[in-house]
Amino acid sequence: SAEPLPPERRAALDALGRLLARPELRVTALLEDGD
């Protein structure tokens, strides 16, 4: 759209990204054939 994200929206997405990167909030599932 040639309209950059407003700074407050970029900051909100960056904050969400930092939150989601916290290891204690992450669950990993290793999928095998047929899973």
All heavy atoms as atom14 arrays in JSON, in Angstrom:
{
  "sequence": "SAEPLPPERRAALDALGRLLARPELRVTALLEDGD",
  "atom14_mask": [
    [1, 1, 1, 1, 1, 1, 0, 0, 0, 0, 0, 0, 0, 0],
    [1, 1, 1, 1, 1, 0, 0, 0, 0, 0, 0, 0, 0, 0],
    [1, 1, 1, 1, 1, 1, 1, 1, 1, 0, 0, 0, 0, 0],
    [1, 1, 1, 1, 1, 1, 1, 0, 0, 0, 0, 0, 0, 0],
    [1, 1, 1, 1, 1, 1, 1, 1, 0, 0, 0, 0, 0, 0],
    [1, 1, 1, 1, 1, 1, 1, 0, 0, 0, 0, 0, 0, 0],
    [1, 1, 1, 1, 1, 1, 1, 0, 0, 0, 0, 0, 0, 0],
    [1, 1, 1, 1, 1, 1, 1, 1, 1, 0, 0, 0, 0, 0],
    [1, 1, 1, 1, 1, 1, 1, 1, 1, 1, 1, 0, 0, 0],
    [1, 1, 1, 1, 1, 1, 1, 1, 1, 1, 1, 0, 0, 0],
    [1, 1, 1, 1, 1, 0, 0, 0, 0, 0, 0, 0, 0, 0],
    [1, 1, 1, 1, 1, 0, 0, 0, 0, 0, 0, 0, 0, 0],
    [1, 1, 1, 1, 1, 1, 1, 1, 0, 0, 0, 0, 0, 0],
    [1, 1, 1, 1, 1, 1, 1, 1, 0, 0, 0, 0, 0, 0],
    [1, 1, 1, 1, 1, 0, 0, 0, 0, 0, 0, 0, 0, 0],
    [1, 1, 1, 1, 1, 1, 1, 1, 0, 0, 0, 0, 0, 0],
    [1, 1, 1, 1, 0, 0, 0, 0, 0, 0, 0, 0, 0, 0],
    [1, 1, 1, 1, 1, 1, 1, 1, 1, 1, 1, 0, 0, 0],
    [1, 1, 1, 1, 1, 1, 1, 1, 0, 0, 0, 0, 0, 0],
    [1, 1, 1, 1, 1, 1, 1, 1, 0, 0, 0, 0, 0, 0],
    [1, 1, 1, 1, 1, 0, 0, 0, 0, 0, 0, 0, 0, 0],
    [1, 1, 1, 1, 1, 1, 1, 1, 1, 1, 1, 0, 0, 0],
    [1, 1, 1, 1, 1, 1, 1, 0, 0, 0, 0, 0, 0, 0],
    [1, 1, 1, 1, 1, 1, 1, 1, 1, 0, 0, 0, 0, 0],
    [1, 1, 1, 1, 1, 1, 1, 1, 0, 0, 0, 0, 0, 0],
    [1, 1, 1, 1, 1, 1, 1, 1, 1, 1, 1, 0, 0, 0],
    [1, 1, 1, 1, 1, 1, 1, 0, 0, 0, 0, 0, 0, 0],
    [1, 1, 1, 1, 1, 1, 1, 0, 0, 0, 0, 0, 0, 0],
    [1, 1, 1, 1, 1, 0, 0, 0, 0, 0, 0, 0, 0, 0],
    [1, 1, 1, 1, 1, 1, 1, 1, 0, 0, 0, 0, 0, 0],
    [1, 1, 1, 1, 1, 1, 1, 1, 0, 0, 0, 0, 0, 0],
    [1, 1, 1, 1, 1, 1, 1, 1, 1, 0, 0, 0, 0, 0],
    [1, 1, 1, 1, 1, 1, 1, 1, 0, 0, 0, 0, 0, 0],
    [1, 1, 1, 1, 0, 0, 0, 0, 0, 0, 0, 0, 0, 0],
    [1, 1, 1, 1, 1, 1, 1, 1, 0, 0, 0, 0, 0, 0]
  ],
  "atom14_positions": [
    [[0.82, -1.21, 0.0], [0.0, 0.0, 0.0], [0.86, 1.26, 0.0], [0.33, 2.36, -0.08], [-0.93, 0.01, 1.21], [-0.17, 0.2, 2.4], [0.0, 0.0, 0.0], [0.0, 0.0, 0.0], [0.0, 0.0, 0.0], [0.0, 0.0, 0.0], [0.0, 0.0, 0.0], [0.0, 0.0, 0.0], [0.0, 0.0, 0.0], [0.0, 0.0, 0.0]],
    [[2.17, 1.09, 0.1], [3.11, 2.22, 0.17], [2.83, 3.11, 1.38], [3.14, 4.28, 1.37], [3.1, 3.02, -1.13], [0.0, 0.0, 0.0], [0.0, 0.0, 0.0], [0.0, 0.0, 0.0], [0.0, 0.0, 0.0], [0.0, 0.0, 0.0], [0.0, 0.0, 0.0], [0.0, 0.0, 0.0], [0.0, 0.0, 0.0], [0.0, 0.0, 0.0]],
    [[2.2, 2.53, 2.4], [1.95, 3.26, 3.64], [2.64, 2.5, 4.77], [2.16, 1.45, 5.2], [0.45, 3.36, 3.93], [-0.3, 4.19, 2.93], [-1.78, 4.29, 3.28], [-2.13, 4.21, 4.47], [-2.57, 4.43, 2.34], [0.0, 0.0, 0.0], [0.0, 0.0, 0.0], [0.0, 0.0, 0.0], [0.0, 0.0, 0.0], [0.0, 0.0, 0.0]],
    [[3.79, 2.99, 5.25], [4.48, 2.27, 6.3], [3.63, 2.15, 7.56], [2.73, 2.96, 7.8], [5.74, 3.1, 6.56], [5.52, 4.4, 5.87], [4.42, 4.23, 4.88], [0.0, 0.0, 0.0], [0.0, 0.0, 0.0], [0.0, 0.0, 0.0], [0.0, 0.0, 0.0], [0.0, 0.0, 0.0], [0.0, 0.0, 0.0], [0.0, 0.0, 0.0]],
    [[3.91, 1.11, 8.34], [3.19, 0.97, 9.62], [3.49, 2.18, 10.48], [4.65, 2.58, 10.6], [3.65, -0.3, 10.33], [3.2, -1.62, 9.72], [3.91, -2.78, 10.41], [1.7, -1.78, 9.84], [0.0, 0.0, 0.0], [0.0, 0.0, 0.0], [0.0, 0.0, 0.0], [0.0, 0.0, 0.0], [0.0, 0.0, 0.0], [0.0, 0.0, 0.0]],
    [[2.47, 2.77, 11.09], [2.72, 3.89, 12.0], [3.63, 3.43, 13.15], [3.6, 2.26, 13.54], [1.33, 4.25, 12.52], [0.38, 3.68, 11.52], [1.05, 2.46, 10.95], [0.0, 0.0, 0.0], [0.0, 0.0, 0.0], [0.0, 0.0, 0.0], [0.0, 0.0, 0.0], [0.0, 0.0, 0.0], [0.0, 0.0, 0.0], [0.0, 0.0, 0.0]],
    [[4.44, 4.33, 13.69], [5.39, 3.95, 14.74], [4.76, 3.22, 15.93], [5.34, 2.26, 16.45], [6.0, 5.29, 15.18], [5.79, 6.2, 14.02], [4.54, 5.74, 13.34], [0.0, 0.0, 0.0], [0.0, 0.0, 0.0], [0.0, 0.0, 0.0], [0.0, 0.0, 0.0], [0.0, 0.0, 0.0], [0.0, 0.0, 0.0], [0.0, 0.0, 0.0]],
    [[3.56, 3.62, 16.34], [2.93, 2.97, 17.49], [2.52, 1.54, 17.15], [2.58, 0.64, 17.99], [1.75, 3.78, 18.03], [0.55, 3.89, 17.1], [0.65, 4.99, 16.04], [1.7, 5.66, 15.94], [-0.34, 5.17, 15.31], [0.0, 0.0, 0.0], [0.0, 0.0, 0.0], [0.0, 0.0, 0.0], [0.0, 0.0, 0.0], [0.0, 0.0, 0.0]],
    [[2.13, 1.28, 15.92], [1.77, -0.09, 15.51], [3.03, -0.95, 15.37], [3.04, -2.11, 15.74], [0.99, -0.08, 14.21], [-0.4, 0.49, 14.42], [-1.24, 0.38, 13.19], [-2.54, 1.0, 13.46], [-3.51, 1.05, 12.59], [-3.37, 0.52, 11.4], [-4.64, 1.62, 12.91], [0.0, 0.0, 0.0], [0.0, 0.0, 0.0], [0.0, 0.0, 0.0]],
    [[4.09, -0.38, 14.81], [5.36, -1.09, 14.7], [5.86, -1.45, 16.09], [6.31, -2.56, 16.34], [6.38, -0.21, 13.96], [7.76, -0.78, 13.84], [7.85, -1.76, 12.7], [7.74, -3.11, 13.21], [7.52, -4.18, 12.48], [7.38, -4.07, 11.18], [7.43, -5.37, 12.99], [0.0, 0.0, 0.0], [0.0, 0.0, 0.0], [0.0, 0.0, 0.0]],
    [[5.75, -0.51, 17.04], [6.19, -0.75, 18.42], [5.36, -1.86, 19.07], [5.9, -2.7, 19.79], [6.12, 0.53, 19.23], [0.0, 0.0, 0.0], [0.0, 0.0, 0.0], [0.0, 0.0, 0.0], [0.0, 0.0, 0.0], [0.0, 0.0, 0.0], [0.0, 0.0, 0.0], [0.0, 0.0, 0.0], [0.0, 0.0, 0.0], [0.0, 0.0, 0.0]],
    [[4.05, -1.87, 18.8], [3.19, -2.91, 19.37], [3.57, -4.28, 18.82], [3.64, -5.27, 19.57], [1.73, -2.6, 19.09], [0.0, 0.0, 0.0], [0.0, 0.0, 0.0], [0.0, 0.0, 0.0], [0.0, 0.0, 0.0], [0.0, 0.0, 0.0], [0.0, 0.0, 0.0], [0.0, 0.0, 0.0], [0.0, 0.0, 0.0], [0.0, 0.0, 0.0]],
    [[3.82, -4.39, 17.51], [4.22, -5.67, 16.92], [5.58, -6.11, 17.43], [5.81, -7.3, 17.69], [4.24, -5.57, 15.4], [2.88, -5.47, 14.72], [3.05, -5.25, 13.22], [2.04, -6.69, 15.0], [0.0, 0.0, 0.0], [0.0, 0.0, 0.0], [0.0, 0.0, 0.0], [0.0, 0.0, 0.0], [0.0, 0.0, 0.0], [0.0, 0.0, 0.0]],
    [[6.5, -5.16, 17.61], [7.82, -5.5, 18.16], [7.69, -6.01, 19.59], [8.35, -6.98, 19.97], [8.75, -4.29, 18.1], [9.14, -3.93, 16.68], [8.94, -4.76, 15.76], [9.64, -2.79, 16.48], [0.0, 0.0, 0.0], [0.0, 0.0, 0.0], [0.0, 0.0, 0.0], [0.0, 0.0, 0.0], [0.0, 0.0, 0.0], [0.0, 0.0, 0.0]],
    [[6.83, -5.37, 20.38], [6.61, -5.82, 21.77], [6.01, -7.22, 21.79], [6.4, -8.07, 22.59], [5.72, -4.83, 22.51], [0.0, 0.0, 0.0], [0.0, 0.0, 0.0], [0.0, 0.0, 0.0], [0.0, 0.0, 0.0], [0.0, 0.0, 0.0], [0.0, 0.0, 0.0], [0.0, 0.0, 0.0], [0.0, 0.0, 0.0], [0.0, 0.0, 0.0]],
    [[5.05, -7.47, 20.9], [4.45, -8.81, 20.82], [5.52, -9.83, 20.43], [5.58, -10.93, 20.99], [3.3, -8.82, 19.83], [2.6, -10.17, 19.63], [1.98, -10.66, 20.93], [1.56, -10.07, 18.53], [0.0, 0.0, 0.0], [0.0, 0.0, 0.0], [0.0, 0.0, 0.0], [0.0, 0.0, 0.0], [0.0, 0.0, 0.0], [0.0, 0.0, 0.0]],
    [[6.37, -9.48, 19.47], [7.44, -10.38, 19.06], [8.39, -10.72, 20.2], [8.79, -11.88, 20.37], [0.0, 0.0, 0.0], [0.0, 0.0, 0.0], [0.0, 0.0, 0.0], [0.0, 0.0, 0.0], [0.0, 0.0, 0.0], [0.0, 0.0, 0.0], [0.0, 0.0, 0.0], [0.0, 0.0, 0.0], [0.0, 0.0, 0.0], [0.0, 0.0, 0.0]],
    [[8.73, -9.73, 21.01], [9.6, -9.98, 22.18], [8.9, -10.89, 23.18], [9.52, -11.79, 23.75], [10.01, -8.67, 22.85], [11.04, -7.88, 22.05], [11.59, -6.71, 22.84], [10.57, -5.76, 23.28], [10.08, -4.78, 22.55], [10.5, -4.59, 21.31], [9.18, -3.96, 23.05], [0.0, 0.0, 0.0], [0.0, 0.0, 0.0], [0.0, 0.0, 0.0]],
    [[7.62, -10.68, 23.39], [6.86, -11.52, 24.32], [6.82, -12.96, 23.82], [7.09, -13.9, 24.57], [5.45, -10.97, 24.48], [4.5, -11.8, 25.34], [4.91, -11.69, 26.8], [3.08, -11.35, 25.14], [0.0, 0.0, 0.0], [0.0, 0.0, 0.0], [0.0, 0.0, 0.0], [0.0, 0.0, 0.0], [0.0, 0.0, 0.0], [0.0, 0.0, 0.0]],
    [[6.53, -13.15, 22.54], [6.4, -14.49, 21.99], [7.74, -15.21, 21.9], [7.78, -16.44, 21.82], [5.74, -14.44, 20.62], [4.3, -13.94, 20.6], [3.8, -13.84, 19.18], [3.41, -14.82, 21.45], [0.0, 0.0, 0.0], [0.0, 0.0, 0.0], [0.0, 0.0, 0.0], [0.0, 0.0, 0.0], [0.0, 0.0, 0.0], [0.0, 0.0, 0.0]],
    [[8.83, -14.47, 21.93], [10.17, -15.08, 21.87], [10.62, -15.61, 23.23], [11.64, -16.3, 23.31], [11.18, -14.06, 21.35], [0.0, 0.0, 0.0], [0.0, 0.0, 0.0], [0.0, 0.0, 0.0], [0.0, 0.0, 0.0], [0.0, 0.0, 0.0], [0.0, 0.0, 0.0], [0.0, 0.0, 0.0], [0.0, 0.0, 0.0], [0.0, 0.0, 0.0]],
    [[9.85, -15.35, 24.28], [10.25, -15.82, 25.6], [10.19, -17.35, 25.65], [9.15, -17.94, 25.35], [9.35, -15.21, 26.67], [9.56, -13.7, 26.82], [8.57, -13.01, 27.68], [8.34, -13.68, 28.94], [7.41, -13.31, 29.81], [6.63, -12.29, 29.55], [7.26, -13.97, 30.94], [0.0, 0.0, 0.0], [0.0, 0.0, 0.0], [0.0, 0.0, 0.0]],
    [[11.3, -17.99, 25.99], [11.36, -19.47, 25.97], [10.31, -20.13, 26.85], [9.8, -21.2, 26.51], [12.76, -19.79, 26.47], [13.54, -18.53, 26.37], [12.56, -17.39, 26.39], [0.0, 0.0, 0.0], [0.0, 0.0, 0.0], [0.0, 0.0, 0.0], [0.0, 0.0, 0.0], [0.0, 0.0, 0.0], [0.0, 0.0, 0.0], [0.0, 0.0, 0.0]],
    [[9.95, -19.52, 27.95], [8.98, -20.16, 28.86], [7.57, -20.18, 28.29], [6.69, -20.88, 28.82], [9.0, -19.49, 30.24], [8.49, -18.05, 30.27], [9.56, -16.99, 30.03], [10.63, -17.31, 29.48], [9.31, -15.83, 30.4], [0.0, 0.0, 0.0], [0.0, 0.0, 0.0], [0.0, 0.0, 0.0], [0.0, 0.0, 0.0], [0.0, 0.0, 0.0]],
    [[7.33, -19.44, 27.23], [6.01, -19.44, 26.6], [5.94, -20.35, 25.37], [4.9, -20.5, 24.77], [5.63, -18.01, 26.19], [5.51, -17.0, 27.32], [5.18, -15.63, 26.76], [4.47, -17.43, 28.33], [0.0, 0.0, 0.0], [0.0, 0.0, 0.0], [0.0, 0.0, 0.0], [0.0, 0.0, 0.0], [0.0, 0.0, 0.0], [0.0, 0.0, 0.0]],
    [[7.04, -20.96, 25.03], [7.13, -21.73, 23.79], [6.94, -23.22, 24.05], [7.44, -23.77, 25.02], [8.5, -21.5, 23.17], [8.65, -22.14, 21.82], [9.89, -21.64, 21.16], [9.68, -20.22, 20.88], [10.28, -19.55, 19.93], [11.16, -20.15, 19.19], [10.03, -18.29, 19.73], [0.0, 0.0, 0.0], [0.0, 0.0, 0.0], [0.0, 0.0, 0.0]],
    [[6.22, -23.86, 23.17], [6.07, -25.31, 23.17], [6.53, -25.79, 21.79], [6.13, -25.22, 20.77], [4.6, -25.74, 23.4], [4.43, -27.23, 23.24], [4.13, -25.28, 24.77], [0.0, 0.0, 0.0], [0.0, 0.0, 0.0], [0.0, 0.0, 0.0], [0.0, 0.0, 0.0], [0.0, 0.0, 0.0], [0.0, 0.0, 0.0], [0.0, 0.0, 0.0]],
    [[7.35, -26.81, 21.76], [7.85, -27.34, 20.5], [7.28, -28.73, 20.28], [7.29, -29.56, 21.17], [9.39, -27.42, 20.52], [9.91, -26.11, 20.73], [9.93, -27.97, 19.21], [0.0, 0.0, 0.0], [0.0, 0.0, 0.0], [0.0, 0.0, 0.0], [0.0, 0.0, 0.0], [0.0, 0.0, 0.0], [0.0, 0.0, 0.0], [0.0, 0.0, 0.0]],
    [[6.77, -28.95, 19.08], [6.24, -30.26, 18.7], [7.01, -30.72, 17.46], [6.97, -30.06, 16.43], [4.76, -30.17, 18.4], [0.0, 0.0, 0.0], [0.0, 0.0, 0.0], [0.0, 0.0, 0.0], [0.0, 0.0, 0.0], [0.0, 0.0, 0.0], [0.0, 0.0, 0.0], [0.0, 0.0, 0.0], [0.0, 0.0, 0.0], [0.0, 0.0, 0.0]],
    [[7.72, -31.81, 17.59], [8.44, -32.38, 16.45], [7.53, -33.38, 15.77], [7.13, -34.38, 16.37], [9.73, -33.06, 16.92], [10.73, -32.14, 17.62], [11.93, -32.93, 18.14], [11.2, -31.04, 16.67], [0.0, 0.0, 0.0], [0.0, 0.0, 0.0], [0.0, 0.0, 0.0], [0.0, 0.0, 0.0], [0.0, 0.0, 0.0], [0.0, 0.0, 0.0]],
    [[7.17, -33.09, 14.54], [6.23, -33.96, 13.82], [7.0, -34.98, 13.0], [8.0, -34.67, 12.37], [5.33, -33.13, 12.91], [4.49, -32.06, 13.62], [3.67, -31.3, 12.61], [3.61, -32.69, 14.67], [0.0, 0.0, 0.0], [0.0, 0.0, 0.0], [0.0, 0.0, 0.0], [0.0, 0.0, 0.0], [0.0, 0.0, 0.0], [0.0, 0.0, 0.0]],
    [[6.5, -36.2, 13.02], [7.1, -37.3, 12.26], [6.14, -37.68, 11.13], [4.99, -37.23, 11.1], [7.28, -38.51, 13.19], [8.04, -38.2, 14.46], [9.52, -38.51, 14.36], [9.88, -39.31, 13.48], [10.28, -37.95, 15.15], [0.0, 0.0, 0.0], [0.0, 0.0, 0.0], [0.0, 0.0, 0.0], [0.0, 0.0, 0.0], [0.0, 0.0, 0.0]],
    [[6.59, -38.51, 10.21], [5.72, -38.99, 9.13], [4.41, -39.51, 9.71], [4.41, -40.3, 10.65], [6.38, -40.12, 8.35], [7.47, -39.62, 7.41], [7.52, -38.41, 7.17], [8.26, -40.45, 6.94], [0.0, 0.0, 0.0], [0.0, 0.0, 0.0], [0.0, 0.0, 0.0], [0.0, 0.0, 0.0], [0.0, 0.0, 0.0], [0.0, 0.0, 0.0]],
    [[3.3, -39.06, 9.14], [1.99, -39.54, 9.56], [1.38, -38.79, 10.73], [0.24, -39.02, 11.08], [0.0, 0.0, 0.0], [0.0, 0.0, 0.0], [0.0, 0.0, 0.0], [0.0, 0.0, 0.0], [0.0, 0.0, 0.0], [0.0, 0.0, 0.0], [0.0, 0.0, 0.0], [0.0, 0.0, 0.0], [0.0, 0.0, 0.0], [0.0, 0.0, 0.0]],
    [[2.14, -37.88, 11.37], [1.6, -37.13, 12.5], [0.58, -36.11, 12.03], [0.64, -35.61, 10.91], [2.71, -36.39, 13.24], [3.56, -37.31, 14.1], [3.2, -38.49, 14.24], [4.59, -36.84, 14.61], [0.0, 0.0, 0.0], [0.0, 0.0, 0.0], [0.0, 0.0, 0.0], [0.0, 0.0, 0.0], [0.0, 0.0, 0.0], [0.0, 0.0, 0.0]]
  ]
}
